[in-house]
Amino acid sequence: MLGSTPSIEYLREPVTQSWLEAGNRSPLVDPATDSGYRNHSLEWLRAGERRRLVKEVNPLLVRFVMAELDMEVVLLHRHPCAVALSYHERGWTGLDLESRFGVEPSGDFWRDHGAYQALLLRPAAEAIGASGIVSYEELTHDPEKGFSLLAARLGLEWGESSSAHLRSTLEHDDRSDPYSVQRDAAVARERWRSALTTVQRKAVMAGYRQHGGGAIPEPGRRRWSWFRQ
């Protein structure tokens, strides 16, 4: 959404999409341990002639980007149950917990996915700090206000054309394409509550908290802490 502002060159998942197009299986690669992925990422993320806004989906990039490049990083965090539901609906059930993190899977997808999210996100959250983490639930509670404030924080223009574009994306809920940005924010934010059973929700959060997942914000709260107290 911020990529629609006229003051920026927007790149949508340039590292991830080009990495997968090159025949690689997983986009969730750690640049600290894979020199090929590290060099590939640098090719796409080095500064260009214009100021850039880059959307990426690999949280393992965060520490590397903050150490090697002059970029401001914002981590968009969504409720773990919503993320687990999305993976399950797409059939993305191979989590590789043991090979990736050295954690023995429980055998329950929902609990394992909670653990998977915490293990992926915690290093990024620690590197960024609470001020750099944006809650999807809070952002979509009042989208126009949320995006305009975020744009101002990042030094991006936000005018009526940006607001109109935002409203147009929120008026539809297109689920025929799993990668579509056409979403009814209120529906998308809360759908997991009815789509998952109580047992499934508790399992996601148990795995998430067991491996250091942070506090979950409630819509409308201005500040929240990633870290468990």
Protein backbone atom coordinates (compact mmCIF):
# COMPACT_ATOMS: atom_id res chain seq x y z
CA MET A 1 0.00 0.00 0.00
CA LEU A 2 2.80 2.44 0.83
CA GLY A 3 4.25 1.63 -2.58
CA SER A 4 1.41 3.59 -4.19
CA THR A 5 2.81 6.88 -2.87
CA PRO A 6 4.42 8.99 -5.62
CA SER A 7 7.62 9.69 -3.67
CA ILE A 8 9.01 6.17 -3.84
CA GLU A 9 10.11 3.36 -6.14
CA TYR A 10 8.31 0.23 -4.94
CA LEU A 11 9.76 -3.27 -5.25
CA ARG A 12 7.52 -6.18 -4.27
CA GLU A 13 9.49 -9.19 -3.00
CA PRO A 14 12.42 -8.77 -5.43
CA VAL A 15 14.75 -11.07 -3.49
CA THR A 16 12.16 -13.77 -2.88
CA GLN A 17 10.63 -13.89 -6.36
CA SER A 18 13.96 -13.87 -8.23
CA TRP A 19 15.35 -16.49 -5.83
CA LEU A 20 12.43 -18.84 -6.49
CA GLU A 21 12.50 -18.16 -10.24
CA ALA A 22 16.14 -19.28 -10.22
CA GLY A 23 14.94 -22.73 -9.12
CA ASN A 24 15.49 -22.54 -5.37
CA ARG A 25 12.94 -24.32 -3.20
CA SER A 26 12.56 -22.14 -0.12
CA PRO A 27 12.49 -18.34 0.19
CA LEU A 28 13.27 -18.54 3.92
CA VAL A 29 17.05 -18.66 3.72
CA ASP A 30 19.43 -17.17 6.28
CA PRO A 31 21.98 -14.87 4.57
CA ALA A 32 24.31 -15.37 7.54
CA THR A 33 24.82 -19.01 6.59
CA ASP A 34 24.28 -19.03 2.82
CA SER A 35 26.74 -16.90 0.84
CA GLY A 36 24.86 -17.43 -2.43
CA TYR A 37 21.66 -16.06 -0.94
CA ARG A 38 23.57 -13.23 0.75
CA ASN A 39 25.11 -12.09 -2.56
CA HIS A 40 21.78 -12.50 -4.34
CA SER A 41 20.08 -10.31 -1.72
CA LEU A 42 22.72 -7.59 -2.01
CA GLU A 43 22.19 -7.38 -5.76
CA TRP A 44 18.55 -6.46 -5.23
CA LEU A 45 18.72 -4.44 -2.02
CA ARG A 46 21.60 -2.06 -2.70
CA ALA A 47 20.41 1.52 -3.04
CA GLY A 48 19.38 2.72 -6.49
CA GLU A 49 19.12 6.20 -7.92
CA ARG A 50 15.68 6.74 -6.39
CA ARG A 51 14.57 6.09 -2.85
CA ARG A 52 13.08 2.62 -2.62
CA LEU A 53 10.42 0.87 -0.61
CA VAL A 54 11.01 -2.88 -0.61
CA LYS A 55 8.45 -5.42 0.58
CA GLU A 56 9.98 -8.75 1.53
CA VAL A 57 8.62 -11.85 3.28
CA ASN A 58 11.78 -13.38 4.78
CA PRO A 59 12.34 -12.21 8.36
CA LEU A 60 15.77 -13.86 8.32
CA LEU A 61 16.90 -10.97 6.11
CA VAL A 62 16.38 -8.40 8.83
CA ARG A 63 19.61 -8.74 10.82
CA PHE A 64 21.65 -8.87 7.61
CA VAL A 65 19.97 -5.80 6.11
CA MET A 66 20.37 -3.77 9.30
CA ALA A 67 24.07 -4.70 9.57
CA GLU A 68 25.07 -4.33 5.93
CA LEU A 69 22.78 -1.73 4.35
CA ASP A 70 21.56 1.74 5.17
CA MET A 71 17.89 0.82 5.27
CA GLU A 72 15.11 1.44 7.75
CA VAL A 73 13.24 -1.77 8.50
CA VAL A 74 9.64 -2.17 9.62
CA LEU A 75 8.36 -5.60 10.63
CA LEU A 76 4.65 -6.19 10.01
CA HIS A 77 3.45 -8.72 12.56
CA ARG A 78 0.17 -10.59 12.23
CA HIS A 79 -1.63 -12.74 14.79
CA PRO A 80 0.00 -16.21 14.81
CA CYS A 81 -3.36 -17.95 14.40
CA ALA A 82 -4.10 -15.96 11.24
CA VAL A 83 -0.70 -16.86 9.77
CA ALA A 84 -1.07 -20.56 10.66
CA LEU A 85 -4.51 -20.65 9.02
CA SER A 86 -3.11 -19.06 5.86
CA TYR A 87 -0.32 -21.64 5.60
CA HIS A 88 -2.74 -24.51 6.22
CA GLU A 89 -5.19 -23.32 3.56
CA ARG A 90 -2.38 -23.12 1.00
CA GLY A 91 -1.05 -26.56 1.87
CA TRP A 92 2.26 -25.18 3.14
CA THR A 93 2.64 -27.77 5.87
CA GLY A 94 6.32 -28.72 5.53
CA LEU A 95 7.85 -26.59 8.27
CA ASP A 96 11.30 -28.26 8.59
CA LEU A 97 11.47 -27.43 12.29
CA GLU A 98 14.19 -29.93 13.06
CA SER A 99 16.46 -29.27 10.08
CA ARG A 100 15.99 -25.51 10.21
CA PHE A 101 15.97 -24.82 13.95
CA GLY A 102 17.03 -28.06 15.64
CA VAL A 103 13.59 -28.33 17.27
CA GLU A 104 11.82 -31.67 17.36
CA PRO A 105 8.30 -31.30 15.93
CA SER A 106 5.35 -32.24 18.10
CA GLY A 107 3.48 -33.83 15.20
CA ASP A 108 0.63 -31.35 15.56
CA PHE A 109 0.66 -28.84 12.69
CA TRP A 110 -0.92 -26.04 14.71
CA ARG A 111 1.46 -26.23 17.66
CA ASP A 112 4.44 -26.67 15.35
CA HIS A 113 3.41 -23.67 13.30
CA GLY A 114 3.25 -21.48 16.38
CA ALA A 115 6.80 -22.58 17.21
CA TYR A 116 7.90 -21.99 13.61
CA GLN A 117 6.63 -18.42 13.64
CA ALA A 118 8.29 -17.56 16.94
CA LEU A 119 11.63 -19.03 15.87
CA LEU A 120 11.55 -17.13 12.57
CA LEU A 121 10.39 -13.81 13.94
CA ARG A 122 12.14 -13.46 17.27
CA PRO A 123 15.64 -12.67 15.90
CA ALA A 124 14.12 -10.03 13.61
CA ALA A 125 12.06 -8.53 16.44
CA GLU A 126 15.12 -8.38 18.72
CA ALA A 127 17.15 -6.64 16.01
CA ILE A 128 14.47 -4.07 15.20
CA GLY A 129 13.11 -3.35 18.67
CA ALA A 130 9.50 -2.68 19.64
CA SER A 131 9.35 0.71 17.90
CA GLY A 132 9.95 -0.93 14.52
CA ILE A 133 7.23 -3.56 14.79
CA VAL A 134 3.82 -2.78 13.34
CA SER A 135 0.76 -4.81 14.25
CA TYR A 136 -1.37 -5.89 11.28
CA GLU A 137 -4.41 -5.98 13.58
CA GLU A 138 -3.79 -2.44 14.81
CA LEU A 139 -3.00 -1.16 11.31
CA THR A 140 -6.21 -2.57 9.86
CA HIS A 141 -8.33 -1.41 12.80
CA ASP A 142 -8.19 2.08 11.27
CA PRO A 143 -6.38 1.58 7.94
CA GLU A 144 -6.40 5.13 6.60
CA LYS A 145 -5.09 6.61 9.82
CA GLY A 146 -2.60 3.78 10.30
CA PHE A 147 -1.10 3.95 6.81
CA SER A 148 -0.93 7.75 6.79
CA LEU A 149 0.94 7.75 10.12
CA LEU A 150 3.29 5.03 8.90
CA ALA A 151 3.94 6.95 5.69
CA ALA A 152 4.73 10.09 7.68
CA ARG A 153 7.12 8.17 9.90
CA LEU A 154 8.97 6.86 6.83
CA GLY A 155 9.04 10.25 5.14
CA LEU A 156 6.65 9.24 2.34
CA GLU A 157 3.97 11.39 0.74
CA TRP A 158 0.40 10.43 1.58
CA GLY A 159 -2.37 12.35 -0.13
CA GLU A 160 -5.92 11.90 -1.30
CA SER A 161 -4.84 9.65 -4.18
CA SER A 162 -3.16 7.32 -1.67
CA SER A 163 -6.28 7.30 0.51
CA ALA A 164 -8.47 6.57 -2.53
CA HIS A 165 -6.24 3.67 -3.57
CA LEU A 166 -6.38 2.27 -0.04
CA ARG A 167 -10.16 2.49 0.07
CA SER A 168 -10.44 0.70 -3.29
CA THR A 169 -8.42 -2.26 -2.02
CA LEU A 170 -10.52 -2.50 1.14
CA GLU A 171 -13.86 -2.58 -0.67
CA HIS A 172 -13.28 -6.10 -2.05
CA ASP A 173 -12.34 -9.44 -0.53
CA ASP A 174 -10.86 -11.38 -3.46
CA ARG A 175 -9.90 -14.88 -2.30
CA SER A 176 -9.69 -16.44 -5.74
CA ASP A 177 -6.02 -15.41 -5.81
CA PRO A 178 -4.15 -16.19 -2.56
CA TYR A 179 -1.61 -13.44 -3.32
CA SER A 180 -4.18 -10.73 -4.07
CA VAL A 181 -3.97 -7.49 -2.08
CA GLN A 182 -7.75 -7.01 -2.41
CA ARG A 183 -8.91 -7.69 1.13
CA ASP A 184 -11.75 -6.67 3.42
CA ALA A 185 -9.53 -5.69 6.33
CA ALA A 186 -12.09 -6.44 9.04
CA VAL A 187 -12.87 -9.87 7.58
CA ALA A 188 -9.22 -10.78 7.04
CA ARG A 189 -8.26 -9.63 10.51
CA GLU A 190 -10.77 -11.74 12.37
CA ARG A 191 -11.46 -14.74 10.11
CA TRP A 192 -9.18 -17.09 12.04
CA ARG A 193 -11.41 -16.75 15.11
CA SER A 194 -14.25 -18.62 13.39
CA ALA A 195 -12.14 -20.76 11.04
CA LEU A 196 -10.04 -22.42 13.77
CA THR A 197 -11.33 -24.51 16.64
CA THR A 198 -10.51 -23.61 20.23
CA VAL A 199 -8.10 -26.55 20.35
CA GLN A 200 -6.30 -25.36 17.23
CA ARG A 201 -6.02 -21.78 18.47
CA LYS A 202 -4.62 -22.90 21.81
CA ALA A 203 -2.13 -25.19 20.09
CA VAL A 204 -0.79 -22.36 17.88
CA MET A 205 -0.32 -20.05 20.84
CA ALA A 206 1.25 -22.78 23.01
CA GLY A 207 3.93 -23.45 20.41
CA TYR A 208 4.42 -19.74 19.79
CA ARG A 209 4.89 -18.88 23.46
CA GLN A 210 7.02 -21.94 24.19
CA HIS A 211 9.65 -20.62 21.77
CA GLY A 212 9.65 -17.00 22.85
CA GLY A 213 6.85 -15.48 20.79
CA GLY A 214 5.82 -12.04 21.93
CA ALA A 215 2.70 -10.46 23.30
CA ILE A 216 -0.25 -10.18 20.92
CA PRO A 217 -1.69 -6.68 20.43
CA GLU A 218 -5.38 -5.98 20.58
CA PRO A 219 -6.88 -3.77 17.83
CA GLY A 220 -6.76 -0.10 18.78
CA ARG A 221 -3.84 -0.37 21.19
CA ARG A 222 -1.14 2.13 20.34
CA ARG A 223 1.82 0.32 21.81
CA TRP A 224 2.61 -3.27 22.61
CA SER A 225 5.65 -5.30 23.47
CA TRP A 226 6.96 -8.16 21.37
CA PHE A 227 8.64 -9.72 24.35
CA ARG A 228 6.84 -11.77 26.97
CA GLN A 229 6.96 -10.27 30.42
